Amino acid sequence: MANTEQSKKRARQNEKRFQINKARRSRIRTYLRKVEEAIASGDKTAATEALKTAQPELMRGVTKGVFHKNTASRKMSRLAARVKALG
């Protein structure tokens, strides 16, 4: 348990950031799931649109520190390749 004022404040800040990052991660996963579902249905136009909306969300997660840059790039690359292969 935190004893000093500084450590108590830090604990409060950590909890607040955790909640924000958790919500952001969940939001990004929702966008990625929409792309996955569009790919599974075989609808290339829907998959392309879903991918276009998911990309900025994923990259925003990178700038906010939720995901590593290479992780986001890898996910986008793999999804784009799967969408391209639909045609």
N, C-alpha and C. Protein backbone atom coordinates (compact mmCIF):
# COMPACT_ATOMS: atom_id res chain seq x y z
N MET A 1 0.83 -1.18 0.00
CA MET A 1 0.00 0.00 0.00
C MET A 1 0.88 1.25 0.00
N ALA A 2 0.42 2.29 -0.69
CA ALA A 2 1.19 3.53 -0.78
C ALA A 2 1.17 4.25 0.57
N ASN A 3 2.32 4.77 0.95
CA ASN A 3 2.44 5.46 2.25
C ASN A 3 2.57 6.97 2.10
N THR A 4 3.45 7.41 1.25
CA THR A 4 3.69 8.85 1.11
C THR A 4 2.62 9.48 0.22
N GLU A 5 2.51 10.80 0.33
CA GLU A 5 1.55 11.53 -0.50
C GLU A 5 1.85 11.33 -1.99
N GLN A 6 3.12 11.36 -2.32
CA GLN A 6 3.54 11.21 -3.71
C GLN A 6 3.15 9.84 -4.26
N SER A 7 3.38 8.81 -3.46
CA SER A 7 3.05 7.46 -3.93
C SER A 7 1.53 7.25 -3.99
N LYS A 8 0.78 7.91 -3.11
CA LYS A 8 -0.68 7.83 -3.17
C LYS A 8 -1.20 8.49 -4.44
N LYS A 9 -0.63 9.64 -4.74
CA LYS A 9 -1.03 10.35 -5.97
C LYS A 9 -0.68 9.52 -7.19
N ARG A 10 0.52 8.94 -7.20
CA ARG A 10 0.96 8.12 -8.32
C ARG A 10 0.03 6.92 -8.51
N ALA A 11 -0.43 6.34 -7.41
CA ALA A 11 -1.35 5.21 -7.49
C ALA A 11 -2.68 5.65 -8.11
N ARG A 12 -3.16 6.83 -7.73
CA ARG A 12 -4.40 7.36 -8.33
C ARG A 12 -4.21 7.59 -9.82
N GLN A 13 -3.09 8.18 -10.18
CA GLN A 13 -2.82 8.46 -11.60
C GLN A 13 -2.72 7.17 -12.41
N ASN A 14 -2.05 6.17 -11.84
CA ASN A 14 -1.91 4.88 -12.53
C ASN A 14 -3.27 4.25 -12.79
N GLU A 15 -4.16 4.29 -11.81
CA GLU A 15 -5.49 3.71 -11.98
C GLU A 15 -6.27 4.45 -13.07
N LYS A 16 -6.16 5.76 -13.07
CA LYS A 16 -6.86 6.58 -14.07
C LYS A 16 -6.35 6.25 -15.48
N ARG A 17 -5.03 6.17 -15.65
CA ARG A 17 -4.44 5.85 -16.95
C ARG A 17 -4.81 4.46 -17.39
N PHE A 18 -4.85 3.53 -16.43
CA PHE A 18 -5.21 2.15 -16.73
C PHE A 18 -6.61 2.09 -17.33
N GLN A 19 -7.56 2.82 -16.73
CA GLN A 19 -8.93 2.83 -17.23
C GLN A 19 -9.01 3.44 -18.62
N ILE A 20 -8.28 4.52 -18.84
CA ILE A 20 -8.28 5.18 -20.15
C ILE A 20 -7.69 4.26 -21.21
N ASN A 21 -6.55 3.65 -20.90
CA ASN A 21 -5.89 2.75 -21.85
C ASN A 21 -6.73 1.51 -22.12
N LYS A 22 -7.42 1.02 -21.09
CA LYS A 22 -8.27 -0.15 -21.24
C LYS A 22 -9.41 0.15 -22.23
N ALA A 23 -10.02 1.32 -22.08
CA ALA A 23 -11.10 1.72 -22.98
C ALA A 23 -10.58 1.89 -24.41
N ARG A 24 -9.41 2.49 -24.53
CA ARG A 24 -8.84 2.72 -25.86
C ARG A 24 -8.50 1.40 -26.54
N ARG A 25 -7.93 0.46 -25.78
CA ARG A 25 -7.58 -0.86 -26.32
C ARG A 25 -8.84 -1.61 -26.76
N SER A 26 -9.89 -1.52 -25.96
CA SER A 26 -11.15 -2.17 -26.30
C SER A 26 -11.73 -1.59 -27.58
N ARG A 27 -11.69 -0.27 -27.71
CA ARG A 27 -12.20 0.41 -28.91
C ARG A 27 -11.45 -0.05 -30.15
N ILE A 28 -10.13 -0.14 -30.05
CA ILE A 28 -9.32 -0.57 -31.18
C ILE A 28 -9.63 -2.01 -31.55
N ARG A 29 -9.78 -2.87 -30.56
CA ARG A 29 -10.10 -4.28 -30.82
C ARG A 29 -11.45 -4.41 -31.51
N THR A 30 -12.39 -3.53 -31.17
CA THR A 30 -13.70 -3.56 -31.82
C THR A 30 -13.55 -3.26 -33.31
N TYR A 31 -12.75 -2.24 -33.64
CA TYR A 31 -12.52 -1.91 -35.04
C TYR A 31 -11.85 -3.07 -35.78
N LEU A 32 -10.88 -3.70 -35.14
CA LEU A 32 -10.19 -4.83 -35.76
C LEU A 32 -11.15 -6.02 -35.95
N ARG A 33 -12.06 -6.23 -34.99
CA ARG A 33 -13.02 -7.31 -35.10
C ARG A 33 -13.97 -7.07 -36.27
N LYS A 34 -14.34 -5.81 -36.50
CA LYS A 34 -15.21 -5.49 -37.63
C LYS A 34 -14.53 -5.84 -38.96
N VAL A 35 -13.22 -5.60 -39.03
CA VAL A 35 -12.48 -5.96 -40.24
C VAL A 35 -12.46 -7.48 -40.39
N GLU A 36 -12.20 -8.19 -39.30
CA GLU A 36 -12.17 -9.65 -39.32
C GLU A 36 -13.52 -10.22 -39.79
N GLU A 37 -14.60 -9.65 -39.28
CA GLU A 37 -15.94 -10.14 -39.66
C GLU A 37 -16.23 -9.89 -41.13
N ALA A 38 -15.80 -8.72 -41.63
CA ALA A 38 -16.00 -8.41 -43.04
C ALA A 38 -15.20 -9.36 -43.92
N ILE A 39 -13.99 -9.70 -43.49
CA ILE A 39 -13.16 -10.64 -44.24
C ILE A 39 -13.82 -12.03 -44.23
N ALA A 40 -14.32 -12.42 -43.06
CA ALA A 40 -14.96 -13.73 -42.94
C ALA A 40 -16.21 -13.84 -43.81
N SER A 41 -16.92 -12.73 -43.95
CA SER A 41 -18.14 -12.76 -44.78
C SER A 41 -17.81 -12.78 -46.26
N GLY A 42 -16.57 -12.40 -46.61
CA GLY A 42 -16.14 -12.43 -48.01
C GLY A 42 -16.50 -11.17 -48.78
N ASP A 43 -16.95 -10.13 -48.10
CA ASP A 43 -17.34 -8.88 -48.75
C ASP A 43 -16.12 -7.95 -48.81
N LYS A 44 -15.54 -7.83 -50.00
CA LYS A 44 -14.31 -7.07 -50.13
C LYS A 44 -14.52 -5.57 -49.89
N THR A 45 -15.63 -5.02 -50.38
CA THR A 45 -15.85 -3.58 -50.19
C THR A 45 -16.05 -3.24 -48.72
N ALA A 46 -16.81 -4.07 -48.02
CA ALA A 46 -17.02 -3.83 -46.59
C ALA A 46 -15.71 -3.98 -45.81
N ALA A 47 -14.91 -4.98 -46.21
CA ALA A 47 -13.64 -5.20 -45.55
C ALA A 47 -12.69 -4.03 -45.78
N THR A 48 -12.69 -3.49 -47.01
CA THR A 48 -11.84 -2.36 -47.33
C THR A 48 -12.25 -1.13 -46.52
N GLU A 49 -13.55 -0.89 -46.44
CA GLU A 49 -14.05 0.25 -45.65
C GLU A 49 -13.71 0.09 -44.18
N ALA A 50 -13.90 -1.12 -43.65
CA ALA A 50 -13.60 -1.38 -42.24
C ALA A 50 -12.11 -1.18 -41.97
N LEU A 51 -11.28 -1.60 -42.92
CA LEU A 51 -9.84 -1.43 -42.77
C LEU A 51 -9.45 0.04 -42.76
N LYS A 52 -10.11 0.83 -43.62
CA LYS A 52 -9.82 2.27 -43.68
C LYS A 52 -10.20 2.97 -42.38
N THR A 53 -11.25 2.52 -41.74
CA THR A 53 -11.64 3.13 -40.47
C THR A 53 -10.80 2.62 -39.30
N ALA A 54 -10.31 1.39 -39.42
CA ALA A 54 -9.52 0.80 -38.33
C ALA A 54 -8.10 1.35 -38.28
N GLN A 55 -7.55 1.69 -39.44
CA GLN A 55 -6.15 2.13 -39.49
C GLN A 55 -5.86 3.35 -38.62
N PRO A 56 -6.64 4.45 -38.75
CA PRO A 56 -6.32 5.60 -37.90
C PRO A 56 -6.51 5.31 -36.41
N GLU A 57 -7.47 4.47 -36.08
CA GLU A 57 -7.68 4.12 -34.68
C GLU A 57 -6.48 3.37 -34.13
N LEU A 58 -5.96 2.45 -34.91
CA LEU A 58 -4.81 1.66 -34.49
C LEU A 58 -3.58 2.55 -34.33
N MET A 59 -3.38 3.45 -35.27
CA MET A 59 -2.22 4.34 -35.19
C MET A 59 -2.36 5.36 -34.06
N ARG A 60 -3.59 5.73 -33.75
CA ARG A 60 -3.81 6.62 -32.61
C ARG A 60 -3.43 5.90 -31.32
N GLY A 61 -3.70 4.60 -31.28
CA GLY A 61 -3.29 3.80 -30.13
C GLY A 61 -1.78 3.78 -29.97
N VAL A 62 -1.07 3.84 -31.09
CA VAL A 62 0.39 3.89 -31.04
C VAL A 62 0.85 5.21 -30.44
N THR A 63 0.27 6.32 -30.91
CA THR A 63 0.71 7.63 -30.42
C THR A 63 0.35 7.81 -28.95
N LYS A 64 -0.71 7.15 -28.49
CA LYS A 64 -1.11 7.26 -27.09
C LYS A 64 -0.39 6.25 -26.19
N GLY A 65 0.42 5.39 -26.80
CA GLY A 65 1.22 4.47 -26.00
C GLY A 65 0.52 3.19 -25.62
N VAL A 66 -0.59 2.85 -26.27
CA VAL A 66 -1.31 1.63 -25.95
C VAL A 66 -0.67 0.43 -26.65
N PHE A 67 -0.25 0.64 -27.90
CA PHE A 67 0.41 -0.41 -28.67
C PHE A 67 1.78 0.06 -29.12
N HIS A 68 2.67 -0.89 -29.34
CA HIS A 68 3.97 -0.57 -29.92
C HIS A 68 3.78 -0.34 -31.42
N LYS A 69 4.61 0.51 -31.97
CA LYS A 69 4.50 0.87 -33.39
C LYS A 69 4.60 -0.35 -34.30
N ASN A 70 5.53 -1.24 -34.02
CA ASN A 70 5.71 -2.42 -34.87
C ASN A 70 4.53 -3.38 -34.76
N THR A 71 3.93 -3.46 -33.59
CA THR A 71 2.76 -4.32 -33.41
C THR A 71 1.62 -3.83 -34.28
N ALA A 72 1.37 -2.53 -34.24
CA ALA A 72 0.29 -1.94 -35.03
C ALA A 72 0.57 -2.12 -36.52
N SER A 73 1.81 -1.90 -36.93
CA SER A 73 2.18 -2.05 -38.34
C SER A 73 1.98 -3.49 -38.80
N ARG A 74 2.36 -4.43 -37.95
CA ARG A 74 2.20 -5.84 -38.28
C ARG A 74 0.73 -6.20 -38.45
N LYS A 75 -0.10 -5.74 -37.52
CA LYS A 75 -1.54 -6.02 -37.60
C LYS A 75 -2.13 -5.43 -38.87
N MET A 76 -1.78 -4.19 -39.19
CA MET A 76 -2.32 -3.53 -40.39
C MET A 76 -1.85 -4.26 -41.65
N SER A 77 -0.60 -4.65 -41.68
CA SER A 77 -0.06 -5.33 -42.85
C SER A 77 -0.77 -6.66 -43.09
N ARG A 78 -0.97 -7.42 -42.04
CA ARG A 78 -1.61 -8.73 -42.18
C ARG A 78 -3.07 -8.59 -42.59
N LEU A 79 -3.76 -7.61 -42.00
CA LEU A 79 -5.16 -7.40 -42.37
C LEU A 79 -5.26 -6.93 -43.82
N ALA A 80 -4.39 -6.01 -44.22
CA ALA A 80 -4.42 -5.50 -45.59
C ALA A 80 -4.17 -6.62 -46.59
N ALA A 81 -3.25 -7.51 -46.26
CA ALA A 81 -2.95 -8.63 -47.15
C ALA A 81 -4.16 -9.56 -47.28
N ARG A 82 -4.85 -9.78 -46.17
CA ARG A 82 -6.04 -10.64 -46.21
C ARG A 82 -7.18 -10.01 -46.99
N VAL A 83 -7.33 -8.69 -46.86
CA VAL A 83 -8.37 -7.99 -47.62
C VAL A 83 -8.05 -8.02 -49.10
N LYS A 84 -6.78 -7.82 -49.43
CA LYS A 84 -6.36 -7.83 -50.83
C LYS A 84 -6.58 -9.20 -51.46
N ALA A 85 -6.41 -10.25 -50.68
CA ALA A 85 -6.56 -11.61 -51.21
C ALA A 85 -8.02 -12.00 -51.43
N LEU A 86 -8.95 -11.20 -50.94
CA LEU A 86 -10.37 -11.53 -51.08
C LEU A 86 -10.83 -11.57 -52.54
N GLY A 87 -10.43 -10.54 -53.30
CA GLY A 87 -10.91 -10.34 -54.65
C GLY A 87 -11.03 -11.55 -55.48
